[in-house]
Amino acid sequence: MRRCSKRIILGSGSPRRRELLAGLGLDFTVDTGNNFEETVPPGAAPETVPLLMAEGKSMGFHRPLEADELLITADTVVITGDKVLGKPHSREEAFSMLRELSGKPHKVISAVCLRTCAMKRSIVDSTVVYVSALSDGEIEYYIYACKPYDKAGAYGIQEWIGYAAMGRIEGSFYNVMGLPVHRVWEELRHFD
């Protein structure tokens, strides 16, 4: 099995991204030090937001990279219609997001930036998720049980709501969790 010759740094505090990257059998450290302010430029198309954020996080890393280091940063958004759903800031906002997703498909787009001091490569992956109609009681239960405030679109597909209401997807399951690991694995060969 091939291994990356670089010392990999995951520039994300997401437990899901740590779990997914570890699933590739790679050694890495986590360093979330960053100076990037996550703001979307006015007029930015919804599909471009994750790439802008992933690359911004990479360039905002708190120190220069050493010659043998590879930094991986990522961002995930949920898009319904022309609206980007980020992380909810309250129970009410989470409820509103889940009500909006109930009974219809939406897109999950993740972007990943892989960067050394000499090279940068970015990837974008998209998955369509079909959500069954959810009752207010089911939404309330999920918010109470899983507290999805750190998740784009107010849900984690690997949690109760994914088991109960997301029976069909088109694309990568892991992309919906926040890191398209199959694409990351493909890109790592460029950094040996």
Protein backbone atom coordinates (compact mmCIF):
# COMPACT_ATOMS: atom_id res chain seq x y z
CA MET A 1 0.00 0.00 0.00
CA ARG A 2 1.31 3.44 -0.85
CA ARG A 3 1.92 5.94 1.92
CA CYS A 4 2.38 9.68 1.76
CA SER A 5 6.00 10.67 2.39
CA LYS A 6 4.93 14.00 3.91
CA ARG A 7 4.02 14.68 7.54
CA ILE A 8 0.26 15.24 7.25
CA ILE A 9 -1.45 17.95 9.27
CA LEU A 10 -5.24 18.02 9.42
CA GLY A 11 -6.27 21.64 9.87
CA SER A 12 -9.72 20.79 11.23
CA GLY A 13 -11.17 20.22 14.67
CA SER A 14 -13.99 18.06 13.29
CA PRO A 15 -14.11 14.66 14.99
CA ARG A 16 -15.70 13.23 11.83
CA ARG A 17 -12.87 14.43 9.61
CA ARG A 18 -10.33 12.98 12.05
CA GLU A 19 -12.18 9.65 11.98
CA LEU A 20 -12.42 9.61 8.18
CA LEU A 21 -8.77 10.51 7.59
CA ALA A 22 -7.71 7.87 10.14
CA GLY A 23 -9.80 5.37 8.18
CA LEU A 24 -7.29 5.69 5.33
CA GLY A 25 -4.58 4.29 7.61
CA LEU A 26 -2.58 7.53 7.50
CA ASP A 27 -0.51 9.02 10.29
CA PHE A 28 -1.36 12.66 10.90
CA THR A 29 -1.51 15.36 13.53
CA VAL A 30 -4.27 17.89 14.11
CA ASP A 31 -3.48 21.60 14.23
CA THR A 32 -6.40 24.02 14.13
CA GLY A 33 -4.39 27.23 14.52
CA ASN A 34 -5.77 29.57 11.89
CA ASN A 35 -6.10 33.28 11.11
CA PHE A 36 -8.78 32.92 8.40
CA GLU A 37 -12.10 34.65 9.00
CA GLU A 38 -14.87 32.53 7.47
CA THR A 39 -16.92 35.06 5.54
CA VAL A 40 -18.52 34.52 2.17
CA PRO A 41 -17.84 37.23 -0.41
CA PRO A 42 -21.01 39.01 -1.55
CA GLY A 43 -22.43 37.48 -4.71
CA ALA A 44 -20.49 34.21 -4.38
CA ALA A 45 -22.33 31.30 -6.02
CA PRO A 46 -23.43 28.72 -3.41
CA GLU A 47 -21.44 25.94 -5.12
CA THR A 48 -18.20 27.93 -4.76
CA VAL A 49 -18.49 28.53 -1.00
CA PRO A 50 -16.83 25.30 0.25
CA LEU A 51 -13.82 25.77 -2.03
CA LEU A 52 -13.41 29.40 -0.96
CA MET A 53 -13.55 28.32 2.69
CA ALA A 54 -11.22 25.29 2.35
CA GLU A 55 -8.59 27.31 0.48
CA GLY A 56 -9.02 30.24 2.87
CA LYS A 57 -8.42 27.96 5.85
CA SER A 58 -5.30 26.59 4.15
CA MET A 59 -3.82 29.99 3.39
CA GLY A 60 -4.82 31.24 6.87
CA PHE A 61 -2.86 28.49 8.64
CA HIS A 62 -1.07 30.13 11.57
CA ARG A 63 2.50 29.39 10.43
CA PRO A 64 4.53 28.63 7.30
CA LEU A 65 4.66 24.97 6.35
CA GLU A 66 7.95 23.11 6.57
CA ALA A 67 9.32 21.35 3.49
CA ASP A 68 8.15 17.90 4.61
CA GLU A 69 4.63 18.93 5.74
CA LEU A 70 1.28 18.57 3.96
CA LEU A 71 -1.69 20.53 5.27
CA ILE A 72 -5.25 19.31 4.63
CA THR A 73 -8.15 21.72 5.16
CA ALA A 74 -11.81 21.22 4.25
CA ASP A 75 -15.26 22.74 4.28
CA THR A 76 -18.73 21.30 3.74
CA VAL A 77 -22.01 23.02 2.99
CA VAL A 78 -25.57 21.91 2.43
CA ILE A 79 -27.36 23.60 -0.46
CA THR A 80 -31.10 23.62 -0.96
CA GLY A 81 -32.27 25.58 -3.97
CA ASP A 82 -29.93 28.58 -4.05
CA LYS A 83 -29.54 28.73 -0.28
CA VAL A 84 -26.42 27.65 1.64
CA LEU A 85 -27.08 26.04 5.02
CA GLY A 86 -24.10 26.27 7.33
CA LYS A 87 -23.97 25.29 10.99
CA PRO A 88 -26.99 26.29 13.08
CA HIS A 89 -26.42 28.66 15.98
CA SER A 90 -29.53 27.74 17.96
CA ARG A 91 -32.19 25.08 18.41
CA GLU A 92 -34.61 27.25 16.44
CA GLU A 93 -32.19 27.62 13.55
CA ALA A 94 -31.52 23.85 13.53
CA PHE A 95 -35.27 23.18 13.50
CA SER A 96 -35.79 25.63 10.64
CA MET A 97 -33.01 24.03 8.57
CA LEU A 98 -34.31 20.50 9.10
CA ARG A 99 -37.87 21.60 8.31
CA GLU A 100 -36.54 23.09 5.07
CA LEU A 101 -34.74 19.83 4.14
CA SER A 102 -37.69 17.60 5.05
CA GLY A 103 -39.27 15.71 2.16
CA LYS A 104 -36.95 16.84 -0.61
CA PRO A 105 -33.45 16.34 -1.99
CA HIS A 106 -30.54 18.67 -1.33
CA LYS A 107 -26.88 18.87 -2.30
CA VAL A 108 -23.90 18.43 -0.01
CA ILE A 109 -20.68 19.90 -1.36
CA SER A 110 -17.32 19.36 0.31
CA ALA A 111 -14.06 20.95 -0.77
CA VAL A 112 -10.59 19.92 0.34
CA CYS A 113 -7.35 21.81 -0.07
CA LEU A 114 -4.07 19.88 0.14
CA ARG A 115 -1.02 22.14 0.38
CA THR A 116 2.72 21.94 0.91
CA CYS A 117 5.11 24.87 0.86
CA ALA A 118 5.66 24.15 -2.87
CA MET A 119 2.28 22.98 -4.21
CA LYS A 120 -1.47 23.34 -3.68
CA ARG A 121 -4.22 21.10 -5.04
CA SER A 122 -7.93 21.46 -4.34
CA ILE A 123 -10.85 19.12 -4.95
CA VAL A 124 -14.63 19.49 -4.78
CA ASP A 125 -17.10 16.63 -4.37
CA SER A 126 -20.89 16.77 -4.55
CA THR A 127 -23.54 14.37 -3.25
CA VAL A 128 -27.33 14.53 -3.58
CA VAL A 129 -29.19 13.44 -0.44
CA TYR A 130 -32.88 12.52 -0.50
CA VAL A 131 -34.69 13.18 2.77
CA SER A 132 -38.02 11.61 3.75
CA ALA A 133 -40.71 13.86 5.17
CA LEU A 134 -40.01 14.48 8.86
CA SER A 135 -42.61 15.32 11.49
CA ASP A 136 -42.00 18.17 13.91
CA GLY A 137 -41.69 15.54 16.66
CA GLU A 138 -38.98 13.67 14.76
CA ILE A 139 -37.04 16.89 14.18
CA GLU A 140 -37.36 17.84 17.85
CA TYR A 141 -36.21 14.37 18.92
CA TYR A 142 -33.16 14.50 16.66
CA ILE A 143 -32.12 17.96 17.84
CA TYR A 144 -32.56 16.94 21.48
CA ALA A 145 -30.76 13.59 21.12
CA CYS A 146 -27.91 14.56 18.81
CA LYS A 147 -27.40 18.33 19.25
CA PRO A 148 -26.32 18.93 15.62
CA TYR A 149 -25.01 22.46 16.13
CA ASP A 150 -21.56 21.68 14.71
CA LYS A 151 -22.87 20.24 11.45
CA ALA A 152 -23.68 21.92 8.15
CA GLY A 153 -27.40 21.74 7.47
CA ALA A 154 -28.00 20.77 11.13
CA TYR A 155 -27.54 17.05 10.61
CA GLY A 156 -25.05 14.22 10.57
CA ILE A 157 -25.93 11.45 8.12
CA GLN A 158 -24.17 8.96 10.43
CA GLU A 159 -26.63 9.77 13.25
CA TRP A 160 -30.28 8.86 13.92
CA ILE A 161 -31.64 11.12 11.19
CA GLY A 162 -29.50 9.39 8.57
CA TYR A 163 -30.76 5.98 9.62
CA ALA A 164 -34.40 7.10 9.78
CA ALA A 165 -34.84 9.53 6.91
CA MET A 166 -31.99 9.47 4.40
CA GLY A 167 -32.36 6.21 2.53
CA ARG A 168 -31.02 7.34 -0.83
CA ILE A 169 -27.97 9.31 -1.86
CA GLU A 170 -26.24 9.90 -5.18
CA GLY A 171 -22.52 10.19 -4.55
CA SER A 172 -20.19 9.59 -1.65
CA PHE A 173 -21.56 8.89 1.84
CA TYR A 174 -18.25 10.09 3.32
CA ASN A 175 -18.53 13.36 1.44
CA VAL A 176 -21.79 13.99 3.32
CA MET A 177 -19.93 13.29 6.58
CA GLY A 178 -17.50 16.06 5.64
CA LEU A 179 -14.50 14.56 3.84
CA PRO A 180 -14.52 12.81 0.44
CA VAL A 181 -11.78 10.41 1.50
CA HIS A 182 -11.68 8.55 -1.82
CA ARG A 183 -10.73 11.82 -3.54
CA VAL A 184 -8.19 12.70 -0.82
CA TRP A 185 -6.55 9.28 -1.31
CA GLU A 186 -6.30 9.91 -5.07
CA GLU A 187 -4.77 13.35 -4.55
CA LEU A 188 -2.12 12.19 -2.07
CA ARG A 189 -0.17 10.51 -4.90
CA HIS A 190 0.71 13.99 -6.20
CA PHE A 191 2.61 14.77 -3.01
CA ASP A 192 5.18 11.94 -2.87
